[in-house]
Amino acid sequence: MSKIWDALRKAEQDKKQSAGVSGTKPDPASERRSTKCVLGNALVSVYGYGNTKNPFYEQAEAVSVSAGGGVMILAASVNPGQILFITNEASLKEEKCVVREVSVDGCGARVVFEFLRPDADFWDSTQL
C-alpha cells in the first residue's frame, strides 16, 4: 500500500511541476500588492468618463480594499488606464484613482483600481 501511495504522491508532484505549480507557498517578497488587502463591502460614489467620453456618476460597491486601492463592481464601461474619482460614502473622503484591470461578467464589470497616492485612512475599518 505504501508503494502505491508514494507513486500517487510522485505523480501529483510531477503534474504540478509540469503545470508550473511548485506546491509551496509563494515567497512574500514576490507578492505584487504593496499593502494588505481586506475583503468587505464599502459603498463608494464613482465619477468619470465612460467609453463614449460622456461623464458618468455611479454608486458602487468596493468588495476588496487596501490602502493602495481596491476592487469594485461597476455597471459603467471603463478601460485600464482610465482615471476615476471615488468618494467613500461612510467617511466622505475622496481620492483620484486609475483603473488597472477590468473583467466583465453578467453582474457588471469587476474593476481593479489603484489610488494615485496610497491612503490608509480612505477606508474606514468599521464599515468593512
N, C-alpha and C. Protein backbone atom coordinates (compact mmCIF):
# COMPACT_ATOMS: atom_id res chain seq x y z
N MET A 1 0.82 -1.19 0.00
CA MET A 1 0.00 0.00 0.00
C MET A 1 0.87 1.26 0.00
N SER A 2 1.98 1.25 0.69
CA SER A 2 2.87 2.40 0.77
C SER A 2 3.47 2.73 -0.59
N LYS A 3 3.78 1.71 -1.39
CA LYS A 3 4.34 1.95 -2.72
C LYS A 3 3.31 2.66 -3.62
N ILE A 4 2.06 2.28 -3.49
CA ILE A 4 1.00 2.92 -4.28
C ILE A 4 0.87 4.38 -3.85
N TRP A 5 0.84 4.59 -2.54
CA TRP A 5 0.72 5.96 -2.03
C TRP A 5 1.89 6.83 -2.49
N ASP A 6 3.10 6.29 -2.41
CA ASP A 6 4.29 7.02 -2.85
C ASP A 6 4.22 7.32 -4.35
N ALA A 7 3.74 6.37 -5.13
CA ALA A 7 3.62 6.57 -6.57
C ALA A 7 2.59 7.66 -6.89
N LEU A 8 1.48 7.66 -6.16
CA LEU A 8 0.46 8.70 -6.36
C LEU A 8 1.00 10.08 -6.00
N ARG A 9 1.71 10.18 -4.89
CA ARG A 9 2.32 11.45 -4.49
C ARG A 9 3.31 11.95 -5.54
N LYS A 10 4.14 11.04 -6.03
CA LYS A 10 5.14 11.40 -7.04
C LYS A 10 4.45 11.89 -8.31
N ALA A 11 3.40 11.20 -8.73
CA ALA A 11 2.67 11.59 -9.94
C ALA A 11 2.03 12.97 -9.76
N GLU A 12 1.50 13.22 -8.57
CA GLU A 12 0.89 14.52 -8.31
C GLU A 12 1.95 15.63 -8.32
N GLN A 13 3.10 15.39 -7.75
CA GLN A 13 4.18 16.38 -7.76
C GLN A 13 4.66 16.65 -9.18
N ASP A 14 4.80 15.59 -9.97
CA ASP A 14 5.23 15.75 -11.36
C ASP A 14 4.22 16.57 -12.15
N LYS A 15 2.94 16.31 -11.90
CA LYS A 15 1.88 17.03 -12.59
C LYS A 15 1.92 18.52 -12.23
N LYS A 16 2.11 18.83 -10.94
CA LYS A 16 2.20 20.22 -10.50
C LYS A 16 3.41 20.91 -11.11
N GLN A 17 4.53 20.23 -11.14
CA GLN A 17 5.75 20.83 -11.69
C GLN A 17 5.60 21.09 -13.19
N SER A 18 4.96 20.18 -13.89
CA SER A 18 4.80 20.37 -15.33
C SER A 18 3.81 21.50 -15.64
N ALA A 19 2.92 21.79 -14.68
CA ALA A 19 1.97 22.89 -14.86
C ALA A 19 2.53 24.19 -14.32
N GLY A 20 3.74 24.17 -13.77
CA GLY A 20 4.36 25.38 -13.24
C GLY A 20 3.95 25.69 -11.83
N VAL A 21 3.41 24.72 -11.11
CA VAL A 21 2.99 24.93 -9.73
C VAL A 21 3.95 24.16 -8.84
N SER A 22 4.56 24.87 -7.90
CA SER A 22 5.56 24.23 -7.06
C SER A 22 4.96 23.50 -5.87
N GLY A 23 3.73 23.85 -5.48
CA GLY A 23 3.11 23.21 -4.34
C GLY A 23 3.54 23.85 -3.03
N THR A 24 4.40 24.85 -3.08
CA THR A 24 4.81 25.56 -1.88
C THR A 24 4.19 26.94 -1.87
N LYS A 25 4.18 27.56 -0.71
CA LYS A 25 3.63 28.91 -0.60
C LYS A 25 4.54 29.89 -1.32
N PRO A 26 3.96 30.91 -1.96
CA PRO A 26 4.78 31.88 -2.67
C PRO A 26 5.62 32.69 -1.69
N ASP A 27 6.76 33.14 -2.15
CA ASP A 27 7.65 33.98 -1.37
C ASP A 27 6.96 35.32 -1.15
N PRO A 28 6.83 35.78 0.12
CA PRO A 28 6.16 37.06 0.37
C PRO A 28 6.78 38.22 -0.41
N ALA A 29 8.06 38.15 -0.70
CA ALA A 29 8.71 39.23 -1.45
C ALA A 29 8.20 39.31 -2.89
N SER A 30 7.65 38.21 -3.40
CA SER A 30 7.16 38.21 -4.78
C SER A 30 5.70 38.66 -4.88
N GLU A 31 5.03 38.90 -3.75
CA GLU A 31 3.65 39.36 -3.74
C GLU A 31 3.58 40.73 -4.41
N ARG A 32 2.65 40.92 -5.36
CA ARG A 32 2.55 42.17 -6.11
C ARG A 32 1.94 43.29 -5.28
N ARG A 33 1.10 42.97 -4.32
CA ARG A 33 0.46 44.01 -3.54
C ARG A 33 1.46 44.68 -2.62
N SER A 34 1.36 46.00 -2.52
CA SER A 34 2.26 46.73 -1.63
C SER A 34 1.60 47.00 -0.29
N THR A 35 0.27 46.78 -0.20
CA THR A 35 -0.44 46.97 1.06
C THR A 35 -1.37 45.79 1.30
N LYS A 36 -1.76 45.58 2.55
CA LYS A 36 -2.63 44.47 2.92
C LYS A 36 -4.03 44.68 2.35
N CYS A 37 -4.60 43.63 1.81
CA CYS A 37 -5.93 43.66 1.20
C CYS A 37 -6.96 43.11 2.19
N VAL A 38 -8.14 43.75 2.26
CA VAL A 38 -9.20 43.33 3.17
C VAL A 38 -10.47 43.13 2.36
N LEU A 39 -11.13 42.00 2.56
CA LEU A 39 -12.41 41.77 1.91
C LEU A 39 -13.50 42.46 2.70
N GLY A 40 -14.44 43.06 2.03
CA GLY A 40 -15.53 43.74 2.71
C GLY A 40 -16.44 44.39 1.70
N ASN A 41 -17.44 45.09 2.19
CA ASN A 41 -18.37 45.79 1.31
C ASN A 41 -18.40 47.25 1.72
N ALA A 42 -17.84 48.11 0.91
CA ALA A 42 -17.82 49.55 1.18
C ALA A 42 -18.53 50.25 0.03
N LEU A 43 -19.46 51.12 0.36
CA LEU A 43 -20.17 51.87 -0.68
C LEU A 43 -19.34 53.06 -1.11
N VAL A 44 -19.24 53.24 -2.42
CA VAL A 44 -18.48 54.35 -2.98
C VAL A 44 -19.29 55.01 -4.09
N SER A 45 -19.04 56.30 -4.29
CA SER A 45 -19.58 57.02 -5.45
C SER A 45 -18.43 57.16 -6.43
N VAL A 46 -18.71 56.86 -7.69
CA VAL A 46 -17.67 56.86 -8.71
C VAL A 46 -18.03 57.90 -9.77
N TYR A 47 -17.05 58.74 -10.11
CA TYR A 47 -17.22 59.76 -11.13
C TYR A 47 -16.14 59.55 -12.18
N GLY A 48 -16.53 59.67 -13.44
CA GLY A 48 -15.54 59.51 -14.50
C GLY A 48 -16.16 59.74 -15.86
N TYR A 49 -15.44 59.36 -16.88
CA TYR A 49 -15.91 59.45 -18.26
C TYR A 49 -15.97 58.04 -18.82
N GLY A 50 -17.11 57.67 -19.41
CA GLY A 50 -17.27 56.35 -19.99
C GLY A 50 -16.56 56.22 -21.32
N ASN A 51 -16.72 55.06 -21.95
CA ASN A 51 -16.08 54.81 -23.24
C ASN A 51 -16.53 55.78 -24.32
N THR A 52 -17.72 56.35 -24.16
CA THR A 52 -18.24 57.29 -25.16
C THR A 52 -17.83 58.72 -24.83
N LYS A 53 -16.93 58.90 -23.86
CA LYS A 53 -16.43 60.21 -23.43
C LYS A 53 -17.48 61.05 -22.72
N ASN A 54 -18.63 60.45 -22.42
CA ASN A 54 -19.66 61.15 -21.66
C ASN A 54 -19.41 60.94 -20.17
N PRO A 55 -19.58 61.98 -19.35
CA PRO A 55 -19.35 61.82 -17.92
C PRO A 55 -20.41 60.89 -17.31
N PHE A 56 -20.01 60.17 -16.26
CA PHE A 56 -20.96 59.32 -15.56
C PHE A 56 -20.74 59.43 -14.06
N TYR A 57 -21.79 59.10 -13.34
CA TYR A 57 -21.76 59.01 -11.88
C TYR A 57 -22.46 57.69 -11.54
N GLU A 58 -21.89 56.96 -10.62
CA GLU A 58 -22.50 55.68 -10.24
C GLU A 58 -22.16 55.38 -8.79
N GLN A 59 -23.13 54.85 -8.06
CA GLN A 59 -22.84 54.31 -6.74
C GLN A 59 -22.47 52.85 -6.93
N ALA A 60 -21.38 52.45 -6.31
CA ALA A 60 -20.86 51.10 -6.50
C ALA A 60 -20.47 50.50 -5.15
N GLU A 61 -20.08 49.25 -5.21
CA GLU A 61 -19.65 48.55 -4.01
C GLU A 61 -18.21 48.08 -4.19
N ALA A 62 -17.35 48.50 -3.27
CA ALA A 62 -15.98 48.00 -3.26
C ALA A 62 -15.99 46.70 -2.48
N VAL A 63 -15.55 45.62 -3.10
CA VAL A 63 -15.62 44.30 -2.47
C VAL A 63 -14.30 43.85 -1.88
N SER A 64 -13.23 44.55 -2.20
CA SER A 64 -11.90 44.27 -1.66
C SER A 64 -11.15 45.59 -1.64
N VAL A 65 -10.56 45.93 -0.49
CA VAL A 65 -9.92 47.24 -0.37
C VAL A 65 -8.56 47.14 0.30
N SER A 66 -7.73 48.14 0.02
CA SER A 66 -6.42 48.27 0.68
C SER A 66 -6.04 49.74 0.65
N ALA A 67 -4.96 50.09 1.32
CA ALA A 67 -4.50 51.48 1.32
C ALA A 67 -4.11 51.93 -0.08
N GLY A 68 -3.80 50.97 -0.94
CA GLY A 68 -3.38 51.28 -2.30
C GLY A 68 -4.49 51.33 -3.33
N GLY A 69 -5.71 50.89 -2.97
CA GLY A 69 -6.82 50.87 -3.92
C GLY A 69 -7.85 49.84 -3.55
N GLY A 70 -8.32 49.08 -4.56
CA GLY A 70 -9.33 48.07 -4.28
C GLY A 70 -9.93 47.48 -5.54
N VAL A 71 -11.04 46.76 -5.33
CA VAL A 71 -11.80 46.14 -6.41
C VAL A 71 -13.26 46.53 -6.20
N MET A 72 -13.90 47.02 -7.26
CA MET A 72 -15.32 47.38 -7.16
C MET A 72 -16.08 46.82 -8.35
N ILE A 73 -17.38 46.73 -8.18
CA ILE A 73 -18.27 46.26 -9.23
C ILE A 73 -18.97 47.48 -9.82
N LEU A 74 -18.80 47.69 -11.13
CA LEU A 74 -19.38 48.84 -11.82
C LEU A 74 -20.29 48.40 -12.96
N ALA A 75 -21.34 49.17 -13.20
CA ALA A 75 -22.18 48.95 -14.38
C ALA A 75 -21.62 49.74 -15.56
N ALA A 76 -20.97 50.88 -15.28
CA ALA A 76 -20.40 51.72 -16.33
C ALA A 76 -19.22 51.02 -16.99
N SER A 77 -19.02 51.30 -18.25
CA SER A 77 -17.93 50.71 -19.01
C SER A 77 -16.68 51.58 -18.86
N VAL A 78 -15.60 51.00 -18.33
CA VAL A 78 -14.34 51.70 -18.16
C VAL A 78 -13.20 50.86 -18.72
N ASN A 79 -12.04 51.50 -18.92
CA ASN A 79 -10.89 50.82 -19.50
C ASN A 79 -9.66 50.95 -18.61
N PRO A 80 -8.75 49.99 -18.68
CA PRO A 80 -7.48 50.13 -17.95
C PRO A 80 -6.78 51.43 -18.34
N GLY A 81 -6.21 52.10 -17.34
CA GLY A 81 -5.53 53.36 -17.56
C GLY A 81 -6.42 54.57 -17.36
N GLN A 82 -7.72 54.35 -17.29
CA GLN A 82 -8.66 55.45 -17.13
C GLN A 82 -8.62 56.00 -15.71
N ILE A 83 -8.76 57.32 -15.57
CA ILE A 83 -8.77 57.98 -14.27
C ILE A 83 -10.22 58.10 -13.79
N LEU A 84 -10.44 57.75 -12.52
CA LEU A 84 -11.75 57.88 -11.88
C LEU A 84 -11.58 58.65 -10.57
N PHE A 85 -12.66 59.27 -10.12
CA PHE A 85 -12.71 59.89 -8.81
C PHE A 85 -13.70 59.09 -7.98
N ILE A 86 -13.29 58.67 -6.78
CA ILE A 86 -14.21 57.92 -5.95
C ILE A 86 -14.35 58.60 -4.59
N THR A 87 -15.54 58.49 -4.03
CA THR A 87 -15.84 59.02 -2.70
C THR A 87 -16.31 57.88 -1.83
N ASN A 88 -15.72 57.72 -0.67
CA ASN A 88 -16.14 56.73 0.30
C ASN A 88 -17.40 57.29 0.97
N GLU A 89 -18.52 56.61 0.82
CA GLU A 89 -19.80 57.11 1.33
C GLU A 89 -19.84 57.16 2.85
N ALA A 90 -19.07 56.33 3.54
CA ALA A 90 -19.07 56.32 5.00
C ALA A 90 -18.28 57.48 5.58
N SER A 91 -17.14 57.78 4.99
CA SER A 91 -16.25 58.82 5.53
C SER A 91 -16.29 60.12 4.72
N LEU A 92 -16.88 60.06 3.52
CA LEU A 92 -16.94 61.18 2.58
C LEU A 92 -15.55 61.62 2.11
N LYS A 93 -14.56 60.75 2.25
CA LYS A 93 -13.22 61.04 1.74
C LYS A 93 -13.21 60.78 0.23
N GLU A 94 -12.45 61.58 -0.49
CA GLU A 94 -12.37 61.48 -1.95
C GLU A 94 -10.94 61.16 -2.36
N GLU A 95 -10.80 60.37 -3.41
CA GLU A 95 -9.48 60.04 -3.96
C GLU A 95 -9.57 59.91 -5.47
N LYS A 96 -8.47 60.22 -6.11
CA LYS A 96 -8.32 60.01 -7.55
C LYS A 96 -7.65 58.65 -7.72
N CYS A 97 -8.12 57.86 -8.67
CA CYS A 97 -7.54 56.54 -8.88
C CYS A 97 -7.44 56.22 -10.37
N VAL A 98 -6.67 55.20 -10.67
CA VAL A 98 -6.52 54.76 -12.05
C VAL A 98 -7.01 53.32 -12.14
N VAL A 99 -7.74 53.01 -13.21
CA VAL A 99 -8.23 51.65 -13.45
C VAL A 99 -7.04 50.80 -13.91
N ARG A 100 -6.81 49.68 -13.24
CA ARG A 100 -5.70 48.79 -13.59
C ARG A 100 -6.16 47.57 -14.38
N GLU A 101 -7.35 47.08 -14.08
CA GLU A 101 -7.82 45.84 -14.71
C GLU A 101 -9.34 45.84 -14.73
N VAL A 102 -9.93 45.31 -15.79
CA VAL A 102 -11.38 45.21 -15.91
C VAL A 102 -11.73 43.82 -16.41
N SER A 103 -12.66 43.15 -15.72
CA SER A 103 -13.19 41.88 -16.22
C SER A 103 -14.71 41.96 -16.15
N VAL A 104 -15.37 41.63 -17.24
CA VAL A 104 -16.82 41.78 -17.35
C VAL A 104 -17.49 40.42 -17.27
N ASP A 105 -18.58 40.38 -16.48
CA ASP A 105 -19.41 39.17 -16.42
C ASP A 105 -20.87 39.60 -16.38
N GLY A 106 -21.78 38.72 -16.06
CA GLY A 106 -23.21 39.03 -16.06
C GLY A 106 -23.62 40.02 -14.99
N CYS A 107 -22.80 40.23 -13.98
CA CYS A 107 -23.14 41.15 -12.88
C CYS A 107 -22.58 42.55 -13.08
N GLY A 108 -21.86 42.78 -14.16
CA GLY A 108 -21.22 44.07 -14.39
C GLY A 108 -19.73 43.90 -14.57
N ALA A 109 -19.01 44.98 -14.38
CA ALA A 109 -17.56 44.94 -14.55
C ALA A 109 -16.89 44.90 -13.19
N ARG A 110 -15.96 43.98 -13.03
CA ARG A 110 -15.12 43.90 -11.83
C ARG A 110 -13.90 44.76 -12.14
N VAL A 111 -13.77 45.88 -11.43
CA VAL A 111 -12.76 46.88 -11.74
C VAL A 111 -11.71 46.93 -10.63
N VAL A 112 -10.47 46.65 -10.99
CA VAL A 112 -9.35 46.79 -10.06
C VAL A 112 -8.80 48.20 -10.23
N PHE A 113 -8.72 48.94 -9.12
CA PHE A 113 -8.24 50.32 -9.21
C PHE A 113 -7.14 50.57 -8.19
N GLU A 114 -6.32 51.57 -8.51
CA GLU A 114 -5.20 51.94 -7.65
C GLU A 114 -5.23 53.44 -7.41
N PHE A 115 -5.10 53.83 -6.13
CA PHE A 115 -5.02 55.26 -5.82
C PHE A 115 -3.74 55.83 -6.39
N LEU A 116 -3.78 57.07 -6.82
CA LEU A 116 -2.57 57.72 -7.31
C LEU A 116 -1.57 57.91 -6.16
N ARG A 117 -2.09 58.13 -4.95
CA ARG A 117 -1.28 58.17 -3.73
C ARG A 117 -1.91 57.22 -2.74
N PRO A 118 -1.19 56.22 -2.23
CA PRO A 118 -1.78 55.32 -1.23
C PRO A 118 -2.33 56.12 -0.05
N ASP A 119 -3.51 55.71 0.44
CA ASP A 119 -4.17 56.41 1.54
C ASP A 119 -4.77 55.39 2.49
N ALA A 120 -4.05 55.10 3.56
CA ALA A 120 -4.50 54.10 4.54
C ALA A 120 -5.76 54.54 5.26
N ASP A 121 -6.05 55.84 5.28
CA ASP A 121 -7.23 56.35 6.00
C ASP A 121 -8.48 56.45 5.14
N PHE A 122 -8.37 56.12 3.84
CA PHE A 122 -9.53 56.25 2.96
C PHE A 122 -10.65 55.30 3.36
N TRP A 123 -10.28 54.07 3.70
CA TRP A 123 -11.28 53.06 4.08
C TRP A 123 -11.43 53.07 5.59
N ASP A 124 -12.65 53.22 6.06
CA ASP A 124 -12.94 53.19 7.48
C ASP A 124 -13.11 51.73 7.88
N SER A 125 -12.29 51.27 8.82
CA SER A 125 -12.32 49.85 9.21
C SER A 125 -13.64 49.43 9.81
N THR A 126 -14.44 50.36 10.32
CA THR A 126 -15.73 49.98 10.92
C THR A 126 -16.77 49.62 9.86
N GLN A 127 -16.56 50.03 8.60
CA GLN A 127 -17.54 49.72 7.57
C GLN A 127 -17.27 48.39 6.89
N LEU A 128 -16.16 47.77 7.16
CA LEU A 128 -15.80 46.52 6.50
C LEU A 128 -16.16 45.32 7.33
